[in-house]
Protein backbone atom coordinates (compact mmCIF):
# COMPACT_ATOMS: atom_id res chain seq x y z
CA UNK A 1 -37.64 -33.39 35.20
CA UNK A 2 -38.87 -31.28 38.10
CA UNK A 3 -37.36 -33.49 40.82
CA UNK A 4 -38.97 -31.79 43.82
CA UNK A 5 -42.40 -32.75 42.54
CA UNK A 6 -41.60 -36.40 41.70
CA UNK A 7 -42.28 -38.81 44.58
CA UNK A 8 -39.09 -40.82 45.29
CA UNK A 9 -39.68 -44.50 44.55
CA UNK A 10 -43.06 -43.76 42.94
CA UNK A 11 -44.17 -45.02 39.56
CA UNK A 12 -43.04 -41.86 37.79
CA UNK A 13 -39.59 -41.96 39.42
CA UNK A 14 -39.18 -45.61 38.40
CA UNK A 15 -40.34 -44.84 34.84
CA UNK A 16 -37.85 -41.96 34.58
CA UNK A 17 -35.04 -44.19 35.83
CA UNK A 18 -35.97 -46.73 33.16
CA UNK A 19 -35.86 -44.07 30.45
CA UNK A 20 -32.41 -42.98 31.64
CA UNK A 21 -31.18 -46.58 31.65
CA UNK A 22 -32.30 -46.95 28.02
CA UNK A 23 -30.22 -43.94 27.03
CA UNK A 24 -32.77 -41.13 27.08
CA UNK A 25 -31.54 -37.82 28.44
CA UNK A 26 -33.40 -37.33 31.73
CA UNK A 27 -32.19 -34.03 33.15
CA UNK A 28 -32.85 -32.83 36.67
CA UNK A 29 -33.96 -29.29 35.85
CA UNK A 30 -34.39 -28.05 39.41
CA UNK A 31 -30.92 -29.02 40.61
CA UNK A 32 -29.46 -26.14 38.62
CA UNK A 33 -32.30 -23.66 38.00
CA UNK A 34 -29.96 -21.06 36.53
CA UNK A 35 -28.82 -23.59 33.94
CA UNK A 36 -32.39 -24.61 33.05
CA UNK A 37 -32.62 -21.66 30.66
CA UNK A 38 -29.70 -23.09 28.68
CA UNK A 39 -31.24 -26.56 28.42
CA UNK A 40 -33.71 -27.64 25.79
CA UNK A 41 -36.24 -30.37 26.43
CA UNK A 42 -39.01 -32.00 24.47
CA UNK A 43 -41.03 -32.76 27.60
CA UNK A 44 -41.11 -31.38 31.15
CA UNK A 45 -42.09 -34.03 33.69
CA UNK A 46 -43.27 -33.55 37.25
CA UNK A 47 -45.54 -34.67 40.04
CA UNK A 48 -49.15 -33.73 40.58
CA UNK A 49 -48.66 -30.00 41.18
CA UNK A 50 -48.23 -28.09 37.89
CA UNK A 51 -46.37 -24.86 38.66
CA UNK A 52 -42.85 -26.27 39.02
CA UNK A 53 -43.09 -28.39 35.87
CA UNK A 54 -44.77 -25.50 34.00
CA UNK A 55 -41.89 -23.19 35.00
CA UNK A 56 -39.39 -25.83 33.88
CA UNK A 57 -41.23 -26.24 30.56
CA UNK A 58 -41.04 -22.51 29.96
CA UNK A 59 -37.33 -22.36 30.82
CA UNK A 60 -36.41 -25.33 28.61
CA UNK A 61 -38.82 -24.54 25.77
CA UNK A 62 -40.50 -27.94 26.25
CA UNK A 63 -43.53 -28.52 24.06
CA UNK A 64 -45.32 -30.79 26.52
CA UNK A 65 -45.78 -31.24 30.26
CA UNK A 66 -46.43 -34.68 31.76
CA UNK A 67 -47.73 -34.81 35.33
CA UNK A 68 -48.20 -37.74 37.71
CA UNK A 69 -51.72 -36.80 38.65
CA UNK A 70 -54.68 -38.37 40.39
CA UNK A 71 -58.19 -36.99 40.70
CA UNK A 72 -57.84 -36.02 44.38
CA UNK A 73 -54.70 -33.96 43.72
CA UNK A 74 -56.29 -32.29 40.71
CA UNK A 75 -59.33 -31.27 42.81
CA UNK A 76 -56.97 -29.51 45.26
CA UNK A 77 -55.39 -27.30 42.57
CA UNK A 78 -55.89 -23.60 43.19
CA UNK A 79 -56.75 -21.11 40.40
CA UNK A 80 -53.06 -20.26 39.88
CA UNK A 81 -52.19 -23.93 39.40
CA UNK A 82 -55.10 -24.43 36.99
CA UNK A 83 -53.97 -21.43 34.94
CA UNK A 84 -50.31 -22.48 35.02
CA UNK A 85 -51.13 -25.94 33.71
CA UNK A 86 -52.98 -24.37 30.81
CA UNK A 87 -50.02 -22.23 29.79
CA UNK A 88 -48.37 -25.14 28.02
CA UNK A 89 -51.46 -25.88 25.99
CA UNK A 90 -51.91 -22.22 25.05
CA UNK A 91 -48.28 -22.00 23.92
CA UNK A 92 -48.83 -24.75 21.38
CA UNK A 93 -47.78 -27.60 23.63
CA UNK A 94 -49.75 -30.25 25.42
CA UNK A 95 -50.38 -31.18 29.03
CA UNK A 96 -50.83 -34.86 29.80
CA UNK A 97 -51.61 -36.41 33.13
CA UNK A 98 -51.56 -39.98 34.34
CA UNK A 99 -53.48 -41.43 37.24
CA UNK A 100 -51.91 -43.37 40.05
CA UNK A 101 -48.35 -42.38 39.17
């Protein structure tokens, strides 16, 4: 999880806490960025801005990126963010986004 991009107390934060309570490994990838390269993840999760989660996905070899995204945030993405979000899809992974997270 890219903690800096997840809104504290938001729907995504609550969902991640629920996953952890059920025994899923929910790792805070940006607390120890140097260690992120030694972690492996199936999914990188983050808020509505894609670059941090995309970086985390690359470092952990995640095959998917899940973003808490609404239409207004997506419209504000710059070209770098749009390209970064597409990196996961081009690398054989998937990018999924939810609204109102």
